[in-house]
Protein backbone atom coordinates (compact mmCIF):
# COMPACT_ATOMS: atom_id res chain seq x y z
CA MET A 1 195.89 62.52 -39.30
CA ALA A 2 196.34 61.89 -42.80
CA TRP A 3 195.66 58.16 -42.48
CA GLN A 4 192.16 58.28 -40.92
CA PHE A 5 190.75 60.18 -43.18
CA GLN A 6 192.40 58.28 -46.24
CA GLY A 7 190.01 55.52 -45.16
CA TYR A 8 186.92 57.99 -43.96
CA SER A 9 184.61 57.14 -46.57
CA GLN A 10 184.72 53.49 -46.85
CA ASN A 11 184.55 53.48 -43.15
CA HIS A 12 181.80 55.45 -42.89
CA GLY A 13 179.83 55.44 -45.74
CA ALA A 14 176.59 53.64 -43.97
CA ARG A 15 173.74 56.22 -43.53
CA ARG A 16 172.77 54.50 -40.67
CA ASN A 17 176.66 54.69 -39.00
CA LEU A 18 176.38 58.41 -39.76
CA LEU A 19 173.63 58.90 -37.89
CA LEU A 20 174.88 56.90 -35.05
CA HIS A 21 178.04 59.28 -35.23
CA VAL A 22 175.38 62.65 -35.58
CA LEU A 23 174.01 61.30 -32.33
CA THR A 24 176.66 59.66 -30.13
CA VAL A 25 179.89 62.32 -30.30
CA PRO A 26 177.62 64.85 -28.62
CA LEU A 27 176.14 62.56 -26.03
CA PHE A 28 179.95 61.48 -25.56
CA GLN A 29 180.97 64.80 -25.42
CA LEU A 30 178.36 65.59 -22.51
CA GLY A 31 179.12 62.45 -20.75
CA THR A 32 182.66 63.22 -20.85
CA LEU A 33 181.51 66.43 -19.14
CA ALA A 34 179.92 64.55 -16.44
CA VAL A 35 182.55 62.93 -15.04
CA LEU A 36 184.41 66.01 -14.86
CA SER A 37 181.92 67.24 -12.65
CA SER A 38 181.92 64.35 -10.93
CA PRO A 39 183.71 65.83 -8.04
CA VAL A 40 180.51 67.91 -7.65
CA ALA A 41 178.30 65.30 -7.96
CA TRP A 42 179.20 62.34 -7.84
CA TRP A 43 176.00 60.37 -9.98
CA LEU A 44 176.86 62.74 -12.57
CA GLY A 45 180.45 60.66 -12.83
CA VAL A 46 178.39 57.47 -12.80
CA ALA A 47 175.51 58.37 -15.22
CA GLY A 48 178.67 60.12 -17.75
CA LEU A 49 180.78 57.20 -17.52
CA LEU A 50 177.54 54.98 -18.63
CA THR A 51 177.04 57.19 -21.36
CA MET A 52 180.20 57.21 -22.61
CA VAL A 53 180.55 53.29 -22.89
CA SER A 54 177.26 53.27 -24.77
CA CYS A 55 178.41 55.44 -26.95
CA VAL A 56 181.18 53.81 -27.43
CA ALA A 57 179.57 50.47 -27.94
CA LEU A 58 177.10 51.68 -30.51
CA GLN A 59 179.63 53.27 -32.77
CA GLY A 60 181.03 49.78 -32.82
CA ARG A 61 177.58 47.94 -33.40
CA GLY A 62 178.00 51.30 -36.08
CA HIS A 63 180.59 50.59 -38.07
CA ARG A 64 179.23 46.46 -38.25
CA LEU A 65 176.86 48.21 -41.12
CA GLU A 66 180.18 49.27 -42.85
CA ASP A 67 181.95 47.33 -45.66
CA ALA A 68 185.39 47.98 -44.25
CA ALA A 69 186.22 47.67 -41.14
CA PRO A 70 187.53 51.24 -38.65
CA ALA A 71 191.45 50.76 -38.36
CA ALA A 72 192.24 49.20 -35.02
CA PHE A 73 193.54 52.27 -32.50
């Protein structure tokens, strides 16, 4: 975890990127809960998966606004 925090200010300095993270992290978490509830309602799993993929894509676009590229994982 320490290596992630070392470059945090460089990778999360753009305000639009921070705003995207503020919006997409909770949505990603809700998508995860929806996927976990898919045995109850299959459509929640599909909606949750689409939400999660969309959130990751939006965060990727937000990281393009930064001066320093994020570390690959």
